[in-house]
Protein backbone atom coordinates (compact mmCIF):
# COMPACT_ATOMS: atom_id res chain seq x y z
CA MET A 1 0.13 0.06 -0.05
CA ASN A 2 1.39 3.52 -0.90
CA SER A 3 2.30 5.20 2.59
CA SER A 4 1.09 8.50 1.13
CA ASN A 5 -2.50 6.99 1.25
CA GLN A 6 -1.81 6.49 5.04
CA THR A 7 -1.00 9.87 5.90
CA HIS A 8 -3.25 12.50 6.55
CA ILE A 9 -2.88 16.62 7.64
CA LEU A 10 -4.12 17.55 10.62
CA TYR A 11 -4.36 21.55 11.51
CA VAL A 12 -4.70 21.99 15.68
CA GLY A 13 -5.90 25.58 16.89
CA SER A 14 -4.95 26.38 20.36
CA TYR A 15 -5.55 29.13 22.68
CA THR A 16 -2.09 31.51 22.72
CA GLU A 17 -3.52 34.06 25.79
CA ILE A 18 -6.28 33.91 28.47
CA VAL A 19 -9.52 35.09 27.24
CA ALA A 20 -11.12 35.87 30.67
CA GLY A 21 -10.26 34.77 34.28
CA ASP A 22 -8.62 31.89 34.10
CA PHE A 23 -9.27 30.72 30.70
CA GLY A 24 -7.27 30.31 27.89
CA GLY A 25 -4.06 28.69 26.78
CA HIS A 26 -0.27 29.36 25.92
CA GLY A 27 -0.55 27.82 22.66
CA GLU A 28 1.53 28.62 19.45
CA GLY A 29 -1.58 29.43 17.16
CA ILE A 30 -2.49 27.13 14.43
CA SER A 31 -0.02 23.54 14.22
CA CYS A 32 0.24 21.52 11.12
CA PHE A 33 1.12 17.70 11.70
CA ALA A 34 1.19 14.49 9.24
CA PHE A 35 -0.87 11.71 11.13
CA ASP A 36 0.58 8.74 10.22
CA ALA A 37 -2.59 5.95 9.87
CA SER A 38 -0.68 3.07 9.91
CA ALA A 39 1.32 3.93 12.98
CA GLY A 40 -0.80 6.03 14.50
CA GLU A 41 2.05 8.84 14.71
CA LEU A 42 1.89 12.56 14.53
CA LYS A 43 4.81 14.49 13.25
CA LEU A 44 4.64 18.30 13.18
CA LEU A 45 5.36 20.00 9.97
CA ASN A 46 4.84 23.83 10.99
CA ASN A 47 3.11 26.63 13.20
CA GLN A 48 1.38 30.01 12.14
CA PHE A 49 0.96 32.03 15.15
CA GLN A 50 -2.52 33.95 15.68
CA VAL A 51 -3.89 34.98 18.78
CA ASN A 52 -6.62 32.09 19.96
CA PRO A 53 -7.64 30.76 17.07
CA SER A 54 -10.22 28.38 19.07
CA TYR A 55 -12.14 27.19 15.58
CA LEU A 56 -10.76 26.18 12.09
CA SER A 57 -13.16 25.51 9.21
CA ILE A 58 -11.33 24.15 6.13
CA ALA A 59 -12.52 24.31 2.28
CA SER A 60 -11.41 23.75 -0.94
CA ILE A 61 -13.18 26.79 -3.03
CA MET A 62 -13.18 26.56 -6.77
CA HIS A 63 -12.48 30.03 -8.70
CA SER A 64 -11.55 31.59 -12.12
CA SER A 65 -8.05 31.16 -12.61
CA SER A 66 -5.97 34.16 -13.34
CA ILE A 67 -4.40 32.87 -16.02
CA LYS A 68 -6.55 30.78 -18.55
CA LEU A 69 -9.84 30.65 -18.90
CA GLU A 70 -10.60 28.33 -16.18
CA THR A 71 -11.52 27.13 -13.10
CA LYS A 72 -9.18 26.38 -10.52
CA SER A 73 -9.32 24.76 -6.94
CA SER A 74 -7.71 26.20 -4.04
CA THR A 75 -7.92 24.98 -0.17
CA TYR A 76 -8.48 27.56 2.76
CA LEU A 77 -8.49 27.54 6.17
CA PHE A 78 -10.65 29.71 8.30
CA ALA A 79 -9.66 30.74 11.73
CA VAL A 80 -12.00 32.42 14.37
CA SER A 81 -9.79 34.59 17.21
CA GLU A 82 -11.63 34.15 20.21
CA ILE A 83 -11.03 37.18 22.41
CA LEU A 84 -13.39 39.62 24.12
CA ALA A 85 -15.69 42.40 22.42
CA SER A 86 -13.31 45.09 23.80
CA LYS A 87 -10.38 43.38 22.16
CA LYS A 88 -11.75 43.64 18.76
CA PRO A 89 -12.02 39.95 17.78
CA VAL A 90 -10.80 39.15 13.85
CA ILE A 91 -11.73 36.40 11.41
CA HIS A 92 -8.10 35.09 9.52
CA SER A 93 -8.00 33.39 6.27
CA TYR A 94 -5.11 31.65 4.83
CA THR A 95 -4.46 30.06 1.44
CA ILE A 96 -3.02 26.33 2.35
CA ASN A 97 0.29 25.71 0.41
CA GLU A 98 1.34 22.63 -1.14
CA ASN A 99 3.94 21.90 1.85
CA HIS A 100 0.61 22.73 3.92
CA SER A 101 1.99 25.71 5.28
CA LEU A 102 -0.26 28.89 5.64
CA SER A 103 -0.31 32.06 3.98
CA LEU A 104 -2.34 34.79 5.05
CA ILE A 105 -4.82 36.40 2.99
CA ASN A 106 -7.25 38.63 4.94
CA THR A 107 -8.32 39.73 8.25
CA GLN A 108 -11.77 40.84 9.12
CA ALA A 109 -12.92 42.48 11.45
CA ILE A 110 -16.00 41.23 13.40
CA GLU A 111 -18.55 42.90 15.83
CA GLY A 112 -19.06 40.48 18.80
CA GLY A 113 -17.26 39.29 21.44
CA CYS A 114 -15.44 35.60 21.80
CA PRO A 115 -15.99 33.65 18.48
CA CYS A 116 -15.78 30.58 19.00
CA HIS A 117 -16.92 28.67 16.01
CA ILE A 118 -16.89 28.99 12.43
CA HIS A 119 -18.16 27.16 9.62
CA TYR A 120 -17.45 27.40 5.81
CA PHE A 121 -20.68 26.14 3.93
CA LYS A 122 -22.24 26.69 0.62
CA ASN A 123 -26.03 27.10 0.06
CA ALA A 124 -28.25 25.32 -2.88
CA GLU A 125 -27.73 28.25 -5.13
CA GLY A 126 -24.25 28.03 -4.50
CA GLN A 127 -23.16 31.28 -2.86
CA SER A 128 -20.16 30.56 -0.29
CA PHE A 129 -20.54 31.87 3.53
CA THR A 130 -18.81 31.69 6.52
CA ALA A 131 -20.56 31.38 9.86
CA SER A 132 -19.74 32.43 13.20
CA ALA A 133 -20.99 32.10 16.57
CA CYS A 134 -19.97 35.03 19.25
CA TYR A 135 -20.46 33.36 22.83
CA GLU A 136 -19.68 36.40 25.16
CA THR A 137 -22.53 38.59 22.78
CA GLY A 138 -24.76 36.05 21.75
CA ASN A 139 -24.56 36.99 17.93
CA LEU A 140 -24.51 35.06 14.90
CA LEU A 141 -22.40 36.50 11.78
CA ILE A 142 -22.78 35.46 8.15
CA HIS A 143 -20.52 36.35 5.70
CA ASN A 144 -20.98 35.84 2.03
CA ILE A 145 -17.55 35.51 0.38
CA ASN A 146 -16.10 35.14 -3.03
CA VAL A 147 -12.59 34.16 -4.65
CA GLU A 148 -10.72 36.34 -6.79
CA PRO A 149 -8.88 34.84 -9.77
CA THR A 150 -5.80 35.89 -7.89
CA ALA A 151 -6.78 33.50 -5.32
CA ASP A 152 -7.64 36.26 -2.73
CA VAL A 153 -10.64 35.87 -0.10
CA ASN A 154 -13.15 38.89 0.03
CA PHE A 155 -15.26 38.94 2.82
CA HIS A 156 -18.76 41.31 2.39
CA GLU A 157 -20.73 43.05 4.91
CA PRO A 158 -22.30 40.66 7.10
CA LEU A 159 -25.71 39.65 8.31
CA ASN A 160 -25.34 39.92 12.40
CA ILE A 161 -27.82 38.52 14.27
CA TYR A 162 -28.15 38.85 18.04
CA HIS A 163 -29.91 36.21 19.71
CA LYS A 164 -31.99 37.03 22.56
CA GLY A 165 -32.98 35.19 26.04
CA SER A 166 -32.11 33.66 28.77
CA SER A 167 -32.76 29.92 30.65
CA GLN A 168 -32.25 28.52 33.81
CA HIS A 169 -28.75 27.69 34.73
CA PRO A 170 -27.95 30.75 37.34
CA SER A 171 -24.56 31.44 35.66
CA ARG A 172 -24.30 30.17 32.43
CA GLN A 173 -27.82 31.35 31.15
CA THR A 174 -28.60 34.58 32.01
CA HIS A 175 -28.44 35.75 28.28
CA ALA A 176 -27.55 34.19 24.88
CA HIS A 177 -24.54 32.31 24.15
CA ALA A 178 -24.22 31.11 20.74
CA HIS A 179 -22.01 28.19 20.21
CA CYS A 180 -21.57 26.45 17.02
CA THR A 181 -23.04 26.80 13.70
CA PHE A 182 -23.62 23.93 11.05
CA PHE A 183 -24.82 23.38 7.26
CA ASP A 184 -27.10 20.93 6.74
CA ILE A 185 -26.39 20.33 2.82
CA GLU A 186 -29.29 18.20 2.76
CA SER A 187 -32.25 20.43 4.17
CA ASN A 188 -30.27 23.87 3.05
CA LYS A 189 -30.52 25.10 6.13
CA LEU A 190 -27.98 26.42 8.74
CA LEU A 191 -28.35 25.44 12.38
CA VAL A 192 -26.98 27.35 15.55
CA CYS A 193 -26.56 26.25 18.69
CA ASP A 194 -27.35 28.57 21.68
CA LEU A 195 -26.16 27.34 25.11
CA GLY A 196 -27.65 30.15 26.59
CA LEU A 197 -31.12 30.07 25.58
CA ASP A 198 -31.06 26.32 25.21
CA GLN A 199 -32.33 26.48 21.58
CA VAL A 200 -30.82 25.56 18.06
CA LYS A 201 -31.90 28.26 15.66
CA VAL A 202 -32.83 27.18 12.20
CA TYR A 203 -31.85 29.78 9.50
CA SER A 204 -32.53 29.47 5.80
CA VAL A 205 -29.97 31.54 3.73
CA GLN A 206 -30.34 32.70 0.45
CA LYS A 207 -30.12 35.18 -2.22
CA LYS A 208 -32.49 38.70 -1.72
CA ASN A 209 -35.64 38.48 -3.71
CA SER A 210 -36.07 41.21 -6.33
CA ILE A 211 -37.78 43.73 -4.37
CA ASN A 212 -35.56 43.87 -1.48
CA ASN A 213 -32.77 44.04 -4.24
CA ASN A 214 -34.01 47.54 -4.83
CA LYS A 215 -32.97 48.92 -1.50
CA THR A 216 -30.09 50.87 -2.12
CA ASP A 217 -29.54 51.69 1.47
CA ASN A 218 -28.15 48.09 2.24
CA LYS A 219 -25.60 46.29 0.32
CA ILE A 220 -26.28 42.78 1.90
CA GLU A 221 -27.52 40.65 -0.97
CA PHE A 222 -28.68 37.82 1.09
CA ASN A 223 -31.27 36.82 3.92
CA ALA A 224 -30.93 34.40 6.83
CA VAL A 225 -34.83 33.54 7.70
CA GLU A 226 -35.11 32.01 10.73
CA GLU A 227 -37.57 29.08 10.17
CA GLN A 228 -37.58 27.11 13.13
CA ILE A 229 -36.39 27.09 16.99
CA ILE A 230 -35.74 23.65 18.28
CA LEU A 231 -36.58 23.83 22.07
CA LEU A 232 -34.21 21.75 24.24
CA PRO A 233 -34.93 20.56 27.87
CA ALA A 234 -34.14 23.48 30.43
CA GLY A 235 -30.48 23.70 31.48
CA SER A 236 -29.71 21.09 29.17
CA GLY A 237 -26.85 23.89 27.18
CA PRO A 238 -26.38 22.66 23.56
CA ARG A 239 -22.90 22.92 22.36
CA HIS A 240 -22.05 21.49 19.60
CA ILE A 241 -23.75 19.78 16.73
CA CYS A 242 -22.70 16.85 14.03
CA PHE A 243 -24.34 15.34 11.07
CA ASP A 244 -23.95 11.41 9.77
CA GLU A 245 -22.15 11.77 6.23
CA ASN A 246 -25.73 11.35 4.70
CA TYR A 247 -27.01 14.07 6.88
CA ALA A 248 -29.86 12.02 8.05
CA TYR A 249 -29.36 12.58 11.72
CA GLY A 250 -28.21 15.36 13.59
CA PHE A 251 -26.49 14.81 17.38
CA ILE A 252 -26.54 17.56 19.61
CA ILE A 253 -24.16 17.62 22.58
CA ASN A 254 -25.68 19.69 25.73
CA GLU A 255 -22.87 21.46 27.59
CA LEU A 256 -24.41 21.76 30.64
CA ASN A 257 -25.71 18.08 31.48
CA GLY A 258 -24.23 16.19 29.13
CA SER A 259 -27.21 14.89 27.38
CA ILE A 260 -27.47 14.29 23.51
CA THR A 261 -30.09 15.04 21.73
CA ILE A 262 -31.09 13.27 18.32
CA ILE A 263 -32.85 15.72 15.49
CA LYS A 264 -33.78 14.31 11.99
CA HIS A 265 -35.62 16.57 9.12
CA SER A 266 -38.78 16.12 7.72
CA ALA A 267 -38.90 17.24 4.16
CA GLU A 268 -42.36 16.50 4.15
CA LYS A 269 -42.91 19.01 6.79
CA LYS A 270 -39.96 21.13 6.27
CA GLU A 271 -38.98 20.93 9.98
CA TYR A 272 -36.58 19.28 12.40
CA LYS A 273 -38.05 16.96 14.96
CA ILE A 274 -36.42 15.47 18.07
CA LYS A 275 -36.56 12.01 18.39
CA GLY A 276 -34.62 11.91 21.86
CA ASN A 277 -32.77 13.30 24.78
CA PHE A 278 -30.39 10.68 26.22
CA ASP A 279 -28.67 11.10 29.25
CA LEU A 280 -25.06 10.32 30.43
CA SER A 281 -26.31 6.79 30.70
CA GLY A 282 -27.87 6.55 27.36
CA GLN A 283 -31.65 6.41 29.05
CA LEU A 284 -34.17 8.09 27.53
CA SER A 285 -34.92 11.72 29.24
CA GLY A 286 -36.82 14.67 28.53
CA SER A 287 -39.44 15.38 25.56
CA LEU A 288 -39.80 13.89 22.28
CA ASN A 289 -41.70 16.66 21.51
CA GLU A 290 -40.29 20.53 21.02
CA SER A 291 -41.55 21.93 24.32
CA VAL A 292 -39.19 22.81 26.91
CA ASN A 293 -38.88 20.95 30.09
CA THR A 294 -37.39 21.66 33.67
CA SER A 295 -34.32 19.44 34.64
CA THR A 296 -34.24 18.28 38.28
CA SER A 297 -30.95 20.72 39.04
CA ILE A 298 -30.84 24.12 37.65
CA ASP A 299 -27.04 24.61 38.30
CA THR A 300 -25.38 21.56 36.48
CA ASP A 301 -22.19 22.15 34.63
CA LEU A 302 -20.57 18.71 33.51
CA GLY A 303 -18.16 20.35 30.76
CA ALA A 304 -19.66 18.24 27.68
CA ALA A 305 -17.43 19.61 24.91
CA ALA A 306 -17.52 18.01 21.31
CA ILE A 307 -19.58 14.99 19.97
CA ARG A 308 -18.66 12.84 16.89
CA VAL A 309 -20.34 9.94 14.75
CA SER A 310 -18.89 7.47 13.36
CA ALA A 311 -18.84 6.52 9.48
CA ASP A 312 -20.94 3.59 9.72
CA VAL A 313 -23.32 5.56 11.52
CA ARG A 314 -23.33 2.94 14.56
CA PHE A 315 -20.86 4.93 17.00
CA VAL A 316 -21.46 8.39 18.63
CA TYR A 317 -18.75 9.68 20.79
CA THR A 318 -18.76 12.95 23.19
CA SER A 319 -16.03 14.28 25.17
CA MET A 320 -16.47 15.49 28.57
CA ARG A 321 -14.28 17.93 30.28
CA SER A 322 -16.02 17.15 34.21
CA ASP A 323 -14.14 13.20 34.39
CA ASN A 324 -11.57 13.65 31.78
CA THR A 325 -12.93 11.00 29.35
CA ILE A 326 -14.59 10.01 26.15
CA ARG A 327 -18.27 8.64 25.95
CA LEU A 328 -19.08 6.20 23.67
CA PHE A 329 -22.81 5.29 22.86
CA ALA A 330 -24.29 2.76 20.23
CA PHE A 331 -26.71 4.42 17.83
CA ASP A 332 -30.10 2.15 16.82
CA ARG A 333 -31.13 3.39 13.70
CA ILE A 334 -34.21 1.28 13.40
CA SER A 335 -35.42 2.56 16.80
CA GLU A 336 -33.71 6.28 16.76
CA SER A 337 -32.35 5.81 20.23
CA LEU A 338 -28.73 5.70 21.61
CA ASN A 339 -27.28 2.62 24.34
CA TYR A 340 -24.45 3.66 26.66
CA ILE A 341 -21.44 1.40 26.37
CA ALA A 342 -18.56 3.01 27.99
CA SER A 343 -16.29 5.80 29.10
CA TYR A 344 -12.68 5.86 28.82
CA PRO A 345 -10.10 8.53 30.46
CA THR A 346 -8.32 10.31 28.11
CA GLY A 347 -4.95 10.47 30.23
CA GLY A 348 -5.10 14.40 29.90
CA ARG A 349 -7.06 17.71 31.45
CA THR A 350 -9.53 19.24 29.72
CA PRO A 351 -10.48 17.11 26.63
CA ARG A 352 -11.86 19.54 24.26
CA ASP A 353 -12.22 18.85 20.55
CA PHE A 354 -11.71 15.53 19.33
CA THR A 355 -11.57 13.66 15.84
CA ILE A 356 -12.00 10.37 14.12
CA ASP A 357 -9.29 10.11 10.84
CA PRO A 358 -10.46 9.54 7.69
CA THR A 359 -9.37 5.79 8.00
CA GLY A 360 -11.61 5.29 11.14
CA LYS A 361 -9.09 3.52 12.79
CA TRP A 362 -7.78 6.30 15.06
CA LEU A 363 -9.68 8.70 17.53
CA LEU A 364 -7.38 11.93 18.20
CA VAL A 365 -8.04 14.03 21.58
CA ALA A 366 -6.90 17.30 22.39
CA HIS A 367 -6.35 18.35 25.98
CA GLN A 368 -6.46 22.31 26.69
CA ASP A 369 -4.95 21.92 29.91
CA SER A 370 -2.19 19.08 29.84
CA ASP A 371 -0.56 20.67 26.29
CA THR A 372 -1.35 17.04 24.82
CA ILE A 373 -3.09 15.03 22.12
CA ALA A 374 -4.15 11.50 22.94
CA ILE A 375 -4.47 8.88 20.08
CA PHE A 376 -7.09 5.91 20.71
CA ASN A 377 -7.19 2.89 18.58
CA VAL A 378 -10.76 2.27 17.49
CA ASN A 379 -12.61 -1.06 17.49
CA SER A 380 -14.34 -1.05 14.17
CA TYR A 381 -16.59 -4.15 15.09
CA ASN A 382 -17.62 -2.50 18.74
CA GLY A 383 -16.52 0.91 18.49
CA THR A 384 -14.86 0.66 21.63
CA LEU A 385 -11.48 2.69 22.56
CA SER A 386 -8.12 1.86 23.79
CA LEU A 387 -5.42 4.47 24.36
CA PHE A 388 -2.39 4.12 21.87
CA ASN A 389 -0.56 6.97 22.96
CA THR A 390 -0.41 10.44 24.06
CA VAL A 391 2.19 13.25 22.21
CA GLU A 392 3.14 15.14 24.53
CA ASN A 393 4.13 19.51 24.17
CA ILE A 394 1.19 20.48 22.05
CA LYS A 395 0.52 23.60 23.76
CA SER A 396 -3.29 24.22 24.85
CA PRO A 397 -4.94 22.44 21.80
CA VAL A 398 -8.39 23.16 21.50
CA CYS A 399 -9.26 22.51 17.76
CA LEU A 400 -8.80 19.80 15.52
CA SER A 401 -9.53 19.88 11.62
CA TRP A 402 -8.58 17.47 8.62
CA LEU A 403 -7.13 18.80 5.64
CA PRO A 404 -9.44 16.96 2.63
CA LYS A 405 -7.78 15.15 0.41
């Protein structure tokens, strides 16, 4: 087998300074690693300094060539700088070079505080966007972007949508905290998890109609229409969402109580339905409809961080900062339910983002507070994990993103 087929490129975002209080880190920005899937080994290739690149989004984008009348594809990395609104956050755009190093091509100032998530997507009309969630200020920023023949990225004036409201947690839910954005290519909808509201807001992002296009006082040429609010149990705190590869099911990790919510889009009714809320033991809890429930405790904060689903949609994994573990659940597509299998200590402190490598054989975990990435071997038969190696001296890693091949 060609060894290059077993080598995959991984970009790691880190905290480089304190965000607020004692939360943050001392990382080196964005680090690029080669991952050898035949040996389960990481090798550092290069570093690109940026202040607090806590979330990354990588995309290959087609654009016109400046030399010939043809189109070509270039690969870009978008990264937020997670800092307070008073420090003026930005989005950095980079081209990814052939040697996997990064070249900065754009720095976009944004309104809002602590942007903690960014997601590149293209809607059904072919428009390209980035959607960013600002935790501190509770707003969603959607930028329409285009790529010039020179491969430069231009950000147009954004839509800036402020979420309003609160929920029951006395300190974490006093106001909106937009935390994650994800585009469902099957439904053509943008979903935004708001931890502070216990809601997932569903937006349709599309070109303005001809009437709106006649307005000369607004340069924004697209709309984001809120089409649905998915209400989650009070005090759950939706943080991140992932979909299976066919976009049949969405899996939401709720930070405060560690529960998982399963959603499914109905093309007939043109809306998402909650298929179940499952607690840490995989037991069905909460409501199967979209009404808010009161949790037994109003001040739970278990620190659930990320969620991933296996390529065959048989297993769901979550990271838990409260006990430094990865939890494994089996997903039954017939009953549309989860069964708790096991909990695995990660061997480090504060597991944040984690990822399954493109071969499906390995699961890598970023530890914010022990400066390590743990590498687990994945049993393809039953989804179970075994700790294979811990890579030291990767400072304050919090986001893991693969370069697509």
